[in-house]
């Protein structure tokens, strides 16, 4: 059971990430597991390629304030970079 674990860092993928709607996925079970992992982690890193930004899916599993950093591609639009920096979310841009 996830209730009995603690993790230092959780690396979690997302189907959709939006500045207003937060972190979402089309699967309710997946959302509940990801929600629990966020709650037991000291640091939360979201993994999302550029196609996942400014999208919203069915089941919400987190707010942007729940995450410490986002790992994504280096061709993220400047407007999205500014949005995340304004929320004090560290962006790791990779090639």
Protein backbone atom coordinates (compact mmCIF):
# COMPACT_ATOMS: atom_id res chain seq x y z
CA UNK A 1 0.00 0.00 0.00
CA UNK A 2 1.23 3.48 -0.82
CA UNK A 3 0.09 4.65 2.63
CA UNK A 4 3.12 3.03 4.23
CA UNK A 5 5.88 4.52 2.07
CA UNK A 6 7.85 7.76 1.91
CA UNK A 7 10.07 8.80 -0.97
CA UNK A 8 12.63 11.55 -1.24
CA UNK A 9 11.98 12.27 -4.93
CA UNK A 10 9.05 11.25 -7.12
CA UNK A 11 9.41 11.44 -10.90
CA UNK A 12 5.91 11.43 -12.36
CA UNK A 13 4.79 11.60 -15.98
CA UNK A 14 1.67 13.48 -16.98
CA UNK A 15 -0.69 13.38 -19.95
CA UNK A 16 -1.57 17.05 -19.63
CA UNK A 17 -0.28 20.09 -17.74
CA UNK A 18 -1.96 23.48 -17.68
CA UNK A 19 -1.21 26.64 -15.71
CA UNK A 20 -4.84 26.85 -14.48
CA UNK A 21 -6.06 23.23 -14.49
CA UNK A 22 -2.86 21.70 -13.12
CA UNK A 23 -1.85 18.09 -13.72
CA UNK A 24 -4.37 15.79 -15.38
CA UNK A 25 -4.67 12.33 -16.91
CA UNK A 26 -7.47 10.43 -18.68
CA UNK A 27 -7.44 7.54 -16.17
CA UNK A 28 -9.01 7.83 -12.68
CA UNK A 29 -6.94 5.00 -11.18
CA UNK A 30 -3.74 6.50 -12.53
CA UNK A 31 -4.76 9.88 -11.10
CA UNK A 32 -5.31 8.45 -7.62
CA UNK A 33 -1.92 6.68 -7.64
CA UNK A 34 -0.13 9.82 -8.82
CA UNK A 35 -1.96 11.91 -6.20
CA UNK A 36 -0.77 9.55 -3.49
CA UNK A 37 2.83 9.59 -4.77
CA UNK A 38 2.79 13.39 -4.66
CA UNK A 39 1.59 13.28 -1.05
CA UNK A 40 4.37 10.91 0.10
CA UNK A 41 7.27 12.61 -1.72
CA UNK A 42 9.60 15.25 -0.35
CA UNK A 43 10.22 16.58 -3.88
CA UNK A 44 8.05 16.12 -6.96
CA UNK A 45 9.42 16.23 -10.51
CA UNK A 46 6.97 16.18 -13.41
CA UNK A 47 8.07 14.67 -16.73
CA UNK A 48 6.28 16.13 -19.74
CA UNK A 49 7.21 16.56 -23.37
CA UNK A 50 6.23 19.85 -25.00
CA UNK A 51 3.00 18.40 -26.44
CA UNK A 52 1.56 17.96 -22.92
CA UNK A 53 1.55 21.68 -22.07
CA UNK A 54 -1.58 23.83 -22.27
CA UNK A 55 -3.72 20.68 -22.33
CA UNK A 56 -6.33 19.39 -19.90
CA UNK A 57 -7.47 15.79 -19.48
CA UNK A 58 -10.25 14.09 -17.51
CA UNK A 59 -8.89 13.41 -14.00
CA UNK A 60 -6.91 15.95 -11.99
CA UNK A 61 -4.12 14.57 -9.82
CA UNK A 62 -2.27 17.69 -8.74
CA UNK A 63 -1.90 21.44 -8.68
CA UNK A 64 1.17 23.20 -9.98
CA UNK A 65 1.91 24.24 -6.41
CA UNK A 66 2.38 20.52 -5.61
CA UNK A 67 5.47 20.23 -7.80
CA UNK A 68 9.05 21.35 -7.34
CA UNK A 69 10.29 21.02 -10.90
CA UNK A 70 9.34 20.02 -14.41
CA UNK A 71 11.62 18.18 -16.84
CA UNK A 72 10.76 18.87 -20.48
CA UNK A 73 12.17 19.57 -23.93
CA UNK A 74 14.33 22.60 -24.64
CA UNK A 75 11.95 24.03 -27.25
CA UNK A 76 9.26 25.00 -24.74
CA UNK A 77 7.65 28.33 -25.74
CA UNK A 78 8.87 31.37 -23.81
CA UNK A 79 5.35 32.20 -22.59
CA UNK A 80 5.06 28.81 -20.90
CA UNK A 81 8.53 29.17 -19.37
CA UNK A 82 7.50 32.53 -17.89
CA UNK A 83 4.27 31.06 -16.50
CA UNK A 84 6.13 28.30 -14.69
CA UNK A 85 8.90 30.57 -13.44
CA UNK A 86 6.24 32.94 -12.03
CA UNK A 87 4.96 29.97 -9.98
CA UNK A 88 8.52 29.25 -8.72
CA UNK A 89 8.65 25.93 -10.56
CA UNK A 90 12.14 24.99 -11.70
CA UNK A 91 12.27 23.99 -15.36
CA UNK A 92 14.88 21.52 -16.58
CA UNK A 93 15.06 21.87 -20.36
CA UNK A 94 16.70 18.94 -22.12
CA UNK A 95 17.62 18.24 -25.75
